[in-house]
Amino acid sequence: MTISLTGFMGCGKSSTGRALAERLGARFMDLDAEIVARDGRTIPEIFREGGEAAFRAVELETLRAVLDEVAQAPGDVVLALGGGTLTVPAAREIILAETECVFLRTRFETIRARLGAADASRPLFADAEALFAARAPIYAQAPHAVDTDGLTPDAVADAILALL
């Protein structure tokens, strides 16, 4: 089984993903880390050189490659998606068809507290509140959701296990 975690930046996809993978005895993968490893550029570099459209193309290509590899390998995988992965219709279709997708639902106030007022390593953080509002209905398409406010990654992982 492949469990994918979606949600806005700072919702805890990576930390929860590691905790969940540990509980399941599964492999943990972070899509952003896979993009960097496979492309050889950092995410801010990809954005600078080609903009968001170029990044989303690399992201989709990497997602396809990762899920193809996961399908060939034995064992469960927990995959932390990028905050905007589901905004690409082709990526959303693949994720919803091939994974158990869980939305880590987090209030914007919690996100802001976790990330601070600005985070230069996240290319789309400048308009975070508007982006958060625009993405909420997309994340809500995930078949499962867990509220993360006030919970540790371990507690969120336990809540996911209870759902699935």
Protein backbone atom coordinates (compact mmCIF):
# COMPACT_ATOMS: atom_id res chain seq x y z
CA MET A 1 0.00 0.00 0.00
CA THR A 2 1.13 3.55 -0.72
CA ILE A 3 -0.14 6.27 1.60
CA SER A 4 0.31 9.81 0.35
CA LEU A 5 0.13 12.85 2.61
CA THR A 6 -1.09 16.15 1.25
CA GLY A 7 -1.70 19.58 2.70
CA PHE A 8 -0.30 23.07 2.80
CA MET A 9 3.35 23.79 3.49
CA GLY A 10 4.08 23.45 7.17
CA CYS A 11 1.20 21.08 7.92
CA GLY A 12 3.60 18.30 8.90
CA LYS A 13 3.66 16.03 5.85
CA SER A 14 7.33 15.08 6.23
CA SER A 15 7.47 14.72 10.01
CA THR A 16 4.15 12.87 10.14
CA GLY A 17 5.20 10.75 7.18
CA ARG A 18 8.35 9.60 8.96
CA ALA A 19 6.37 8.75 12.11
CA LEU A 20 3.72 6.89 10.11
CA ALA A 21 6.30 4.95 8.10
CA GLU A 22 8.02 3.90 11.30
CA ARG A 23 4.75 2.59 12.77
CA LEU A 24 3.96 0.66 9.58
CA GLY A 25 7.47 -0.64 9.00
CA ALA A 26 7.18 1.13 5.64
CA ARG A 27 9.60 3.12 3.54
CA PHE A 28 9.27 6.91 3.78
CA MET A 29 9.70 9.07 0.68
CA ASP A 30 9.47 12.84 0.35
CA LEU A 31 8.50 13.97 -3.16
CA ASP A 32 10.39 17.27 -2.84
CA ALA A 33 13.56 15.41 -1.82
CA GLU A 34 13.09 13.04 -4.75
CA ILE A 35 12.77 15.99 -7.13
CA VAL A 36 16.05 17.48 -5.87
CA ALA A 37 17.86 14.13 -5.98
CA ARG A 38 16.68 13.26 -9.48
CA ASP A 39 16.83 16.72 -11.08
CA GLY A 40 20.05 17.88 -9.45
CA ARG A 41 18.69 21.34 -8.66
CA THR A 42 17.06 22.72 -5.55
CA ILE A 43 13.39 23.62 -5.71
CA PRO A 44 14.13 27.38 -5.53
CA GLU A 45 16.59 26.92 -8.44
CA ILE A 46 13.95 25.16 -10.55
CA PHE A 47 11.50 27.99 -9.82
CA ARG A 48 14.10 30.67 -10.63
CA GLU A 49 15.15 29.02 -13.88
CA GLY A 50 11.72 28.07 -15.25
CA GLY A 51 8.98 29.33 -12.98
CA GLU A 52 6.19 27.36 -11.39
CA ALA A 53 5.13 25.68 -14.64
CA ALA A 54 8.60 24.16 -15.09
CA PHE A 55 8.62 23.02 -11.48
CA ARG A 56 5.19 21.40 -11.78
CA ALA A 57 6.35 19.53 -14.92
CA VAL A 58 9.41 18.18 -13.06
CA GLU A 59 7.21 17.35 -10.08
CA LEU A 60 4.74 15.38 -12.22
CA GLU A 61 7.53 13.49 -13.98
CA THR A 62 9.10 12.64 -10.63
CA LEU A 63 5.77 11.57 -9.14
CA ARG A 64 5.18 9.19 -12.04
CA ALA A 65 8.68 7.74 -11.72
CA VAL A 66 8.40 7.31 -7.95
CA LEU A 67 5.02 5.60 -8.12
CA ASP A 68 6.22 3.32 -10.92
CA GLU A 69 9.19 2.30 -8.78
CA VAL A 70 7.00 1.83 -5.71
CA ALA A 71 4.65 -0.42 -7.69
CA GLN A 72 7.59 -2.65 -8.63
CA ALA A 73 9.02 -2.93 -5.10
CA PRO A 74 7.64 -4.97 -2.22
CA GLY A 75 6.40 -3.31 0.95
CA ASP A 76 4.43 -0.28 1.98
CA VAL A 77 5.44 3.32 1.29
CA VAL A 78 4.47 6.61 2.90
CA LEU A 79 4.92 9.47 0.43
CA ALA A 80 4.94 13.10 1.56
CA LEU A 81 3.72 15.18 -1.37
CA GLY A 82 4.64 18.77 -2.07
CA GLY A 83 2.15 21.38 -0.95
CA GLY A 84 1.07 22.07 -4.53
CA THR A 85 1.26 18.59 -6.02
CA LEU A 86 -2.51 18.08 -5.97
CA THR A 87 -3.05 21.37 -7.82
CA VAL A 88 -1.90 19.69 -11.03
CA PRO A 89 -4.89 17.76 -12.40
CA ALA A 90 -2.76 14.93 -13.86
CA ALA A 91 -0.90 14.52 -10.56
CA ARG A 92 -4.15 14.61 -8.57
CA GLU A 93 -5.66 11.92 -10.80
CA ILE A 94 -2.64 9.64 -10.33
CA ILE A 95 -2.47 10.20 -6.57
CA LEU A 96 -6.17 9.60 -6.00
CA ALA A 97 -6.11 6.47 -8.16
CA GLU A 98 -2.87 4.90 -6.94
CA THR A 99 -2.52 5.90 -3.29
CA GLU A 100 -4.47 6.22 -0.08
CA CYS A 101 -4.33 10.00 0.08
CA VAL A 102 -4.66 11.72 3.46
CA PHE A 103 -5.15 15.48 3.81
CA LEU A 104 -3.38 16.90 6.86
CA ARG A 105 -5.89 19.65 7.59
CA THR A 106 -4.27 22.54 9.43
CA ARG A 107 -5.53 26.05 10.17
CA PHE A 108 -3.58 28.89 8.55
CA GLU A 109 -2.79 30.38 11.96
CA THR A 110 -1.01 27.14 12.85
CA ILE A 111 0.90 27.17 9.55
CA ARG A 112 2.01 30.76 10.13
CA ALA A 113 3.18 29.92 13.65
CA ARG A 114 5.13 26.91 12.40
CA LEU A 115 6.80 28.66 9.47
CA GLY A 116 7.13 32.19 10.75
CA ALA A 117 6.29 35.34 8.80
CA ALA A 118 8.46 34.43 5.79
CA ASP A 119 10.38 31.45 4.57
CA ALA A 120 12.69 32.21 1.64
CA SER A 121 13.27 28.51 0.95
CA ARG A 122 9.61 28.14 -0.07
CA PRO A 123 9.10 29.90 -3.40
CA LEU A 124 5.35 30.47 -3.04
CA PHE A 125 5.29 31.58 0.59
CA ALA A 126 4.93 35.30 -0.19
CA ASP A 127 1.20 35.01 -0.91
CA ALA A 128 0.66 32.16 1.51
CA GLU A 129 -2.74 33.11 2.89
CA ALA A 130 -4.34 33.51 -0.55
CA LEU A 131 -2.66 30.32 -1.73
CA PHE A 132 -3.89 28.48 1.36
CA ALA A 133 -7.49 29.55 0.63
CA ALA A 134 -7.21 28.62 -3.05
CA ARG A 135 -5.81 25.16 -2.34
CA ALA A 136 -8.24 24.19 0.45
CA PRO A 137 -10.93 22.81 -1.90
CA ILE A 138 -8.30 20.86 -3.83
CA TYR A 139 -6.91 19.23 -0.69
CA ALA A 140 -10.46 18.43 0.38
CA GLN A 141 -10.71 16.02 -2.57
CA ALA A 142 -8.50 13.59 -0.68
CA PRO A 143 -10.61 10.67 0.55
CA HIS A 144 -9.21 10.93 4.09
CA ALA A 145 -8.46 13.90 6.34
CA VAL A 146 -6.93 14.40 9.77
CA ASP A 147 -6.96 17.66 11.72
CA THR A 148 -3.40 18.40 12.87
CA ASP A 149 -3.81 21.52 14.99
CA GLY A 150 -2.37 20.97 18.45
CA LEU A 151 -1.14 17.46 17.62
CA THR A 152 2.39 16.10 17.41
CA PRO A 153 3.46 14.20 14.29
CA ASP A 154 3.21 11.00 16.32
CA ALA A 155 -0.40 11.78 17.28
CA VAL A 156 -1.27 12.61 13.66
CA ALA A 157 0.32 9.32 12.53
CA ASP A 158 -1.82 7.47 15.10
CA ALA A 159 -4.94 9.25 13.81
CA ILE A 160 -4.08 8.21 10.25
CA LEU A 161 -3.66 4.61 11.33
CA ALA A 162 -7.07 4.74 12.98
CA LEU A 163 -8.58 6.00 9.70
CA LEU A 164 -7.03 3.41 7.46
